[in-house]
Amino acid sequence: MEVLNDEPIIAIKNNGKRKIVAAVGAASRKEQSKDPSNVTLHNAFKHPRTFVSNFEIAEATLRYFICKLVQRKMFVTPLVIFHPTENIEGGVTQIERRGLEELGASIGARKTYVWIGKTLTDNELLDEKFLKQAEDRNK
């Protein structure tokens, strides 16, 4: 298992008739600086009241990150862990949890976890010992 730690930003380029993904992650800012009038930045995970503000943008962002991690390994179904790091007033609702789980399923995750708790280190993520606790919390 690998850990990816990058900004969930996507650069969308307007090519006249179509909008295309120009870059994802930290590279998005560089792409926008090249063509600021035609490239817009979006963060589907930044909203004052919920975890996902735009499902389609979030899906495109996650698909890109999964492809970046997998790099042509066939038939790989990732384990996706969402870890909201900001305190949402009132905690995570069942609707938000389900939205994140459906987002994981839409990108082909074999299992999706929503982790609420301390920030996990890369070693803790790779060790997977926290998964039992995450499953208990997700019930």
N, C-alpha and C. Protein backbone atom coordinates (compact mmCIF):
# COMPACT_ATOMS: atom_id res chain seq x y z
N MET A 1 0.86 -1.17 0.00
CA MET A 1 0.00 0.00 0.00
C MET A 1 0.90 1.23 0.00
N GLU A 2 0.48 2.25 -0.73
CA GLU A 2 1.21 3.50 -0.78
C GLU A 2 0.34 4.61 -0.22
N VAL A 3 0.99 5.67 0.24
CA VAL A 3 0.29 6.83 0.77
C VAL A 3 0.57 8.01 -0.14
N LEU A 4 -0.48 8.71 -0.51
CA LEU A 4 -0.34 9.90 -1.34
C LEU A 4 -0.77 11.10 -0.52
N ASN A 5 0.08 12.10 -0.48
CA ASN A 5 -0.23 13.31 0.27
C ASN A 5 -0.04 14.50 -0.66
N ASP A 6 -1.10 14.93 -1.30
CA ASP A 6 -1.06 16.03 -2.25
C ASP A 6 -2.32 16.86 -2.08
N GLU A 7 -2.29 18.08 -2.56
CA GLU A 7 -3.47 18.95 -2.47
C GLU A 7 -4.59 18.42 -3.35
N PRO A 8 -5.83 18.41 -2.87
CA PRO A 8 -6.94 17.93 -3.70
C PRO A 8 -7.48 19.04 -4.61
N ILE A 9 -6.59 19.63 -5.39
CA ILE A 9 -6.97 20.71 -6.29
C ILE A 9 -6.92 20.19 -7.71
N ILE A 10 -7.86 20.64 -8.54
CA ILE A 10 -7.87 20.25 -9.94
C ILE A 10 -7.94 21.51 -10.81
N ALA A 11 -7.14 21.52 -11.86
CA ALA A 11 -7.14 22.64 -12.80
C ALA A 11 -7.98 22.23 -14.01
N ILE A 12 -9.01 23.01 -14.29
CA ILE A 12 -9.88 22.75 -15.43
C ILE A 12 -9.59 23.82 -16.49
N LYS A 13 -9.27 23.34 -17.70
CA LYS A 13 -8.96 24.25 -18.80
C LYS A 13 -10.15 24.33 -19.74
N ASN A 14 -10.53 25.53 -20.08
CA ASN A 14 -11.63 25.76 -21.00
C ASN A 14 -11.07 25.85 -22.41
N ASN A 15 -11.34 24.81 -23.22
CA ASN A 15 -10.87 24.77 -24.60
C ASN A 15 -11.99 25.15 -25.56
N GLY A 16 -12.64 26.23 -25.32
CA GLY A 16 -13.74 26.65 -26.20
C GLY A 16 -14.99 25.85 -25.96
N LYS A 17 -15.15 24.72 -26.66
CA LYS A 17 -16.35 23.90 -26.55
C LYS A 17 -16.32 22.95 -25.36
N ARG A 18 -15.13 22.54 -24.94
CA ARG A 18 -15.01 21.54 -23.88
C ARG A 18 -14.16 22.03 -22.72
N LYS A 19 -14.40 21.44 -21.58
CA LYS A 19 -13.54 21.68 -20.42
C LYS A 19 -12.78 20.39 -20.17
N ILE A 20 -11.47 20.50 -19.98
CA ILE A 20 -10.64 19.32 -19.76
C ILE A 20 -9.84 19.48 -18.48
N VAL A 21 -9.46 18.36 -17.91
CA VAL A 21 -8.59 18.37 -16.73
C VAL A 21 -7.18 18.65 -17.22
N ALA A 22 -6.62 19.77 -16.77
CA ALA A 22 -5.27 20.16 -17.19
C ALA A 22 -4.22 19.65 -16.22
N ALA A 23 -4.54 19.59 -14.94
CA ALA A 23 -3.60 19.12 -13.92
C ALA A 23 -4.35 18.88 -12.63
N VAL A 24 -3.73 18.08 -11.76
CA VAL A 24 -4.32 17.78 -10.46
C VAL A 24 -3.22 17.87 -9.41
N GLY A 25 -3.60 18.31 -8.21
CA GLY A 25 -2.63 18.41 -7.14
C GLY A 25 -1.82 19.69 -7.23
N ALA A 26 -0.62 19.64 -6.69
CA ALA A 26 0.24 20.83 -6.66
C ALA A 26 0.52 21.36 -8.06
N ALA A 27 0.53 20.49 -9.07
CA ALA A 27 0.78 20.91 -10.45
C ALA A 27 -0.32 21.83 -10.99
N SER A 28 -1.47 21.83 -10.35
CA SER A 28 -2.59 22.67 -10.80
C SER A 28 -2.25 24.15 -10.74
N ARG A 29 -1.59 24.55 -9.69
CA ARG A 29 -1.22 25.97 -9.54
C ARG A 29 -0.27 26.41 -10.64
N LYS A 30 0.67 25.55 -10.99
CA LYS A 30 1.60 25.87 -12.09
C LYS A 30 0.85 25.99 -13.41
N GLU A 31 -0.10 25.08 -13.62
CA GLU A 31 -0.88 25.09 -14.87
C GLU A 31 -1.70 26.37 -14.97
N GLN A 32 -2.28 26.81 -13.87
CA GLN A 32 -3.07 28.03 -13.91
C GLN A 32 -2.20 29.25 -14.17
N SER A 33 -0.99 29.25 -13.62
CA SER A 33 -0.11 30.40 -13.83
C SER A 33 0.31 30.54 -15.29
N LYS A 34 0.30 29.44 -16.05
CA LYS A 34 0.64 29.49 -17.48
C LYS A 34 -0.46 30.14 -18.31
N ASP A 35 -1.71 29.92 -17.91
CA ASP A 35 -2.85 30.40 -18.70
C ASP A 35 -4.00 30.78 -17.78
N PRO A 36 -3.83 31.86 -16.99
CA PRO A 36 -4.84 32.19 -15.96
C PRO A 36 -6.22 32.51 -16.51
N SER A 37 -6.33 32.96 -17.74
CA SER A 37 -7.65 33.32 -18.27
C SER A 37 -8.46 32.09 -18.69
N ASN A 38 -7.81 30.96 -18.96
CA ASN A 38 -8.53 29.77 -19.41
C ASN A 38 -8.49 28.60 -18.43
N VAL A 39 -7.74 28.73 -17.35
CA VAL A 39 -7.62 27.64 -16.39
C VAL A 39 -8.17 28.10 -15.03
N THR A 40 -9.10 27.32 -14.50
CA THR A 40 -9.65 27.62 -13.17
C THR A 40 -9.32 26.48 -12.22
N LEU A 41 -9.09 26.84 -10.97
CA LEU A 41 -8.79 25.85 -9.94
C LEU A 41 -10.04 25.53 -9.13
N HIS A 42 -10.19 24.25 -8.80
CA HIS A 42 -11.34 23.80 -8.01
C HIS A 42 -10.86 22.86 -6.92
N ASN A 43 -11.43 22.99 -5.74
CA ASN A 43 -11.18 22.06 -4.65
C ASN A 43 -12.54 21.57 -4.18
N ALA A 44 -12.89 20.37 -4.60
CA ALA A 44 -14.20 19.82 -4.30
C ALA A 44 -14.37 19.44 -2.84
N PHE A 45 -13.28 19.50 -2.08
CA PHE A 45 -13.33 19.12 -0.67
C PHE A 45 -13.28 20.32 0.26
N LYS A 46 -13.42 21.50 -0.30
CA LYS A 46 -13.35 22.71 0.52
C LYS A 46 -14.72 23.39 0.51
N HIS A 47 -15.37 23.30 1.64
CA HIS A 47 -16.69 23.90 1.80
C HIS A 47 -16.87 24.16 3.29
N PRO A 48 -17.49 25.25 3.67
CA PRO A 48 -17.60 25.56 5.10
C PRO A 48 -18.50 24.61 5.90
N ARG A 49 -19.42 23.89 5.22
CA ARG A 49 -20.37 23.08 5.99
C ARG A 49 -20.36 21.59 5.65
N THR A 50 -19.65 21.17 4.63
CA THR A 50 -19.69 19.76 4.26
C THR A 50 -18.34 19.33 3.68
N PHE A 51 -18.14 18.03 3.55
CA PHE A 51 -16.85 17.52 3.08
C PHE A 51 -16.68 17.60 1.57
N VAL A 52 -17.76 17.44 0.83
CA VAL A 52 -17.68 17.44 -0.63
C VAL A 52 -18.63 18.50 -1.16
N SER A 53 -18.08 19.45 -1.90
CA SER A 53 -18.93 20.51 -2.45
C SER A 53 -19.33 20.22 -3.90
N ASN A 54 -18.55 19.41 -4.61
CA ASN A 54 -18.86 19.07 -6.00
C ASN A 54 -18.44 17.62 -6.24
N PHE A 55 -19.42 16.74 -6.38
CA PHE A 55 -19.15 15.31 -6.49
C PHE A 55 -18.33 14.99 -7.73
N GLU A 56 -18.67 15.58 -8.88
CA GLU A 56 -17.97 15.28 -10.13
C GLU A 56 -16.51 15.72 -10.10
N ILE A 57 -16.24 16.89 -9.54
CA ILE A 57 -14.86 17.38 -9.42
C ILE A 57 -14.10 16.50 -8.43
N ALA A 58 -14.74 16.13 -7.34
CA ALA A 58 -14.10 15.25 -6.35
C ALA A 58 -13.77 13.90 -6.99
N GLU A 59 -14.68 13.37 -7.77
CA GLU A 59 -14.47 12.09 -8.44
C GLU A 59 -13.29 12.17 -9.42
N ALA A 60 -13.23 13.22 -10.22
CA ALA A 60 -12.14 13.39 -11.17
C ALA A 60 -10.80 13.53 -10.46
N THR A 61 -10.79 14.25 -9.35
CA THR A 61 -9.56 14.44 -8.57
C THR A 61 -9.08 13.10 -8.02
N LEU A 62 -9.98 12.36 -7.41
CA LEU A 62 -9.60 11.07 -6.82
C LEU A 62 -9.18 10.06 -7.88
N ARG A 63 -9.88 10.04 -9.01
CA ARG A 63 -9.49 9.13 -10.10
C ARG A 63 -8.05 9.40 -10.54
N TYR A 64 -7.71 10.67 -10.66
CA TYR A 64 -6.35 11.03 -11.07
C TYR A 64 -5.34 10.53 -10.03
N PHE A 65 -5.61 10.78 -8.76
CA PHE A 65 -4.69 10.35 -7.71
C PHE A 65 -4.53 8.83 -7.68
N ILE A 66 -5.64 8.11 -7.85
CA ILE A 66 -5.57 6.64 -7.87
C ILE A 66 -4.71 6.19 -9.05
N CYS A 67 -4.93 6.77 -10.21
CA CYS A 67 -4.12 6.40 -11.39
C CYS A 67 -2.64 6.71 -11.16
N LYS A 68 -2.37 7.81 -10.49
CA LYS A 68 -0.99 8.18 -10.18
C LYS A 68 -0.33 7.15 -9.27
N LEU A 69 -1.08 6.64 -8.31
CA LEU A 69 -0.55 5.64 -7.39
C LEU A 69 -0.40 4.27 -8.05
N VAL A 70 -1.39 3.88 -8.82
CA VAL A 70 -1.44 2.54 -9.38
C VAL A 70 -0.46 2.39 -10.55
N GLN A 71 -0.35 3.38 -11.39
CA GLN A 71 0.57 3.41 -12.54
C GLN A 71 0.57 2.11 -13.33
N ARG A 72 -0.52 1.88 -14.01
CA ARG A 72 -0.67 0.77 -14.95
C ARG A 72 -0.68 -0.62 -14.32
N LYS A 73 -0.87 -0.73 -13.05
CA LYS A 73 -1.02 -2.06 -12.43
C LYS A 73 -2.46 -2.50 -12.68
N MET A 74 -2.62 -3.57 -13.38
CA MET A 74 -3.96 -4.01 -13.79
C MET A 74 -4.74 -4.59 -12.62
N PHE A 75 -6.01 -4.41 -12.66
CA PHE A 75 -6.95 -5.01 -11.71
C PHE A 75 -6.66 -4.64 -10.26
N VAL A 76 -6.19 -3.45 -10.03
CA VAL A 76 -5.95 -2.98 -8.67
C VAL A 76 -7.21 -2.27 -8.18
N THR A 77 -7.69 -2.68 -7.03
CA THR A 77 -8.82 -2.00 -6.42
C THR A 77 -8.32 -1.39 -5.11
N PRO A 78 -8.26 -0.09 -5.05
CA PRO A 78 -7.64 0.57 -3.89
C PRO A 78 -8.52 0.54 -2.65
N LEU A 79 -7.85 0.69 -1.54
CA LEU A 79 -8.48 0.93 -0.24
C LEU A 79 -8.40 2.44 -0.04
N VAL A 80 -9.53 3.09 0.12
CA VAL A 80 -9.56 4.55 0.23
C VAL A 80 -9.91 4.94 1.66
N ILE A 81 -9.11 5.86 2.19
CA ILE A 81 -9.35 6.35 3.55
C ILE A 81 -9.53 7.86 3.49
N PHE A 82 -10.71 8.33 3.83
CA PHE A 82 -10.97 9.76 3.92
C PHE A 82 -10.72 10.17 5.36
N HIS A 83 -9.92 11.19 5.53
CA HIS A 83 -9.62 11.68 6.87
C HIS A 83 -9.87 13.18 6.92
N PRO A 84 -11.09 13.59 7.25
CA PRO A 84 -11.37 15.02 7.37
C PRO A 84 -10.52 15.61 8.49
N THR A 85 -9.73 16.62 8.15
CA THR A 85 -8.83 17.19 9.15
C THR A 85 -9.39 18.45 9.79
N GLU A 86 -10.46 18.97 9.25
CA GLU A 86 -11.07 20.16 9.84
C GLU A 86 -12.25 19.72 10.70
N ASN A 87 -12.46 20.45 11.77
CA ASN A 87 -13.61 20.16 12.62
C ASN A 87 -14.86 20.72 11.96
N ILE A 88 -15.78 19.84 11.67
CA ILE A 88 -17.06 20.24 11.12
C ILE A 88 -18.02 20.37 12.29
N GLU A 89 -18.70 21.49 12.35
CA GLU A 89 -19.62 21.72 13.46
C GLU A 89 -20.65 20.60 13.53
N GLY A 90 -20.73 19.96 14.68
CA GLY A 90 -21.69 18.88 14.87
C GLY A 90 -21.16 17.51 14.45
N GLY A 91 -19.95 17.43 13.94
CA GLY A 91 -19.37 16.14 13.55
C GLY A 91 -19.81 15.71 12.16
N VAL A 92 -19.53 14.46 11.85
CA VAL A 92 -19.84 13.89 10.54
C VAL A 92 -21.25 13.32 10.56
N THR A 93 -22.06 13.75 9.62
CA THR A 93 -23.42 13.22 9.54
C THR A 93 -23.42 11.92 8.76
N GLN A 94 -24.49 11.17 8.89
CA GLN A 94 -24.64 9.93 8.15
C GLN A 94 -24.64 10.22 6.64
N ILE A 95 -25.22 11.33 6.23
CA ILE A 95 -25.28 11.70 4.82
C ILE A 95 -23.87 12.00 4.29
N GLU A 96 -23.07 12.72 5.08
CA GLU A 96 -21.70 13.01 4.65
C GLU A 96 -20.87 11.73 4.57
N ARG A 97 -21.01 10.87 5.55
CA ARG A 97 -20.28 9.60 5.55
C ARG A 97 -20.68 8.78 4.32
N ARG A 98 -21.97 8.71 4.05
CA ARG A 98 -22.43 7.94 2.89
C ARG A 98 -21.95 8.57 1.58
N GLY A 99 -21.94 9.89 1.52
CA GLY A 99 -21.44 10.58 0.33
C GLY A 99 -19.98 10.23 0.07
N LEU A 100 -19.17 10.21 1.12
CA LEU A 100 -17.75 9.85 0.96
C LEU A 100 -17.61 8.37 0.56
N GLU A 101 -18.43 7.51 1.15
CA GLU A 101 -18.38 6.10 0.79
C GLU A 101 -18.79 5.90 -0.67
N GLU A 102 -19.82 6.61 -1.13
CA GLU A 102 -20.23 6.51 -2.52
C GLU A 102 -19.18 7.09 -3.46
N LEU A 103 -18.51 8.12 -3.03
CA LEU A 103 -17.42 8.69 -3.81
C LEU A 103 -16.31 7.64 -3.97
N GLY A 104 -15.96 6.96 -2.90
CA GLY A 104 -14.96 5.90 -2.98
C GLY A 104 -15.40 4.78 -3.92
N ALA A 105 -16.65 4.37 -3.82
CA ALA A 105 -17.16 3.32 -4.69
C ALA A 105 -17.16 3.75 -6.15
N SER A 106 -17.45 5.01 -6.41
CA SER A 106 -17.51 5.50 -7.80
C SER A 106 -16.15 5.51 -8.49
N ILE A 107 -15.07 5.51 -7.70
CA ILE A 107 -13.74 5.47 -8.31
C ILE A 107 -13.15 4.06 -8.27
N GLY A 108 -13.94 3.07 -7.84
CA GLY A 108 -13.51 1.69 -7.89
C GLY A 108 -12.82 1.18 -6.65
N ALA A 109 -13.01 1.84 -5.52
CA ALA A 109 -12.39 1.38 -4.27
C ALA A 109 -13.01 0.06 -3.84
N ARG A 110 -12.18 -0.86 -3.35
CA ARG A 110 -12.71 -2.12 -2.82
C ARG A 110 -13.36 -1.89 -1.48
N LYS A 111 -12.86 -0.89 -0.76
CA LYS A 111 -13.42 -0.53 0.55
C LYS A 111 -13.08 0.93 0.82
N THR A 112 -14.01 1.64 1.41
CA THR A 112 -13.80 3.05 1.75
C THR A 112 -14.03 3.23 3.25
N TYR A 113 -13.10 3.91 3.89
CA TYR A 113 -13.22 4.20 5.31
C TYR A 113 -13.25 5.71 5.50
N VAL A 114 -14.00 6.15 6.48
CA VAL A 114 -13.99 7.54 6.91
C VAL A 114 -13.36 7.52 8.29
N TRP A 115 -12.17 8.07 8.40
CA TRP A 115 -11.42 8.06 9.65
C TRP A 115 -11.59 9.40 10.35
N ILE A 116 -12.14 9.36 11.54
CA ILE A 116 -12.26 10.55 12.38
C ILE A 116 -11.39 10.28 13.59
N GLY A 117 -10.41 11.10 13.78
CA GLY A 117 -9.50 10.90 14.90
C GLY A 117 -8.17 11.57 14.61
N LYS A 118 -7.17 11.16 15.36
CA LYS A 118 -5.86 11.79 15.22
C LYS A 118 -5.33 11.55 13.80
N THR A 119 -4.48 12.45 13.37
CA THR A 119 -3.86 12.29 12.06
C THR A 119 -2.94 11.08 12.11
N LEU A 120 -3.15 10.18 11.17
CA LEU A 120 -2.36 8.96 11.12
C LEU A 120 -1.05 9.20 10.38
N THR A 121 0.00 8.59 10.87
CA THR A 121 1.28 8.69 10.18
C THR A 121 1.26 7.76 8.97
N ASP A 122 2.20 7.94 8.06
CA ASP A 122 2.30 7.05 6.91
C ASP A 122 2.46 5.60 7.35
N ASN A 123 3.26 5.37 8.39
CA ASN A 123 3.47 4.01 8.88
C ASN A 123 2.18 3.42 9.44
N GLU A 124 1.39 4.22 10.14
CA GLU A 124 0.11 3.73 10.68
C GLU A 124 -0.85 3.38 9.54
N LEU A 125 -0.85 4.20 8.49
CA LEU A 125 -1.69 3.91 7.33
C LEU A 125 -1.26 2.61 6.66
N LEU A 126 0.02 2.44 6.47
CA LEU A 126 0.54 1.25 5.81
C LEU A 126 0.36 0.00 6.66
N ASP A 127 0.40 0.16 7.97
CA ASP A 127 0.27 -0.95 8.90
C ASP A 127 -1.16 -1.50 8.93
N GLU A 128 -2.13 -0.64 8.70
CA GLU A 128 -3.56 -0.98 8.63
C GLU A 128 -4.17 -1.43 9.95
N LYS A 129 -3.48 -1.27 11.07
CA LYS A 129 -4.04 -1.69 12.36
C LYS A 129 -5.23 -0.83 12.77
N PHE A 130 -5.29 0.39 12.28
CA PHE A 130 -6.37 1.29 12.64
C PHE A 130 -7.69 0.92 11.97
N LEU A 131 -7.64 0.04 10.96
CA LEU A 131 -8.84 -0.27 10.18
C LEU A 131 -9.96 -0.89 11.02
N LYS A 132 -9.61 -1.72 11.98
CA LYS A 132 -10.63 -2.32 12.85
C LYS A 132 -11.37 -1.23 13.62
N GLN A 133 -10.60 -0.26 14.14
CA GLN A 133 -11.21 0.86 14.86
C GLN A 133 -12.07 1.69 13.91
N ALA A 134 -11.60 1.89 12.68
CA ALA A 134 -12.36 2.67 11.70
C ALA A 134 -13.66 1.95 11.35
N GLU A 135 -13.62 0.61 11.21
CA GLU A 135 -14.83 -0.14 10.91
C GLU A 135 -15.85 0.00 12.04
N ASP A 136 -15.37 -0.06 13.28
CA ASP A 136 -16.27 0.08 14.43
C ASP A 136 -16.91 1.46 14.45
N ARG A 137 -16.15 2.47 14.09
CA ARG A 137 -16.68 3.85 14.06
C ARG A 137 -17.65 4.05 12.90
N ASN A 138 -17.46 3.34 11.81
CA ASN A 138 -18.30 3.51 10.64
C ASN A 138 -19.65 2.83 10.78
N LYS A 139 -19.84 2.05 11.83
CA LYS A 139 -21.12 1.33 12.01
C LYS A 139 -22.16 2.23 12.58
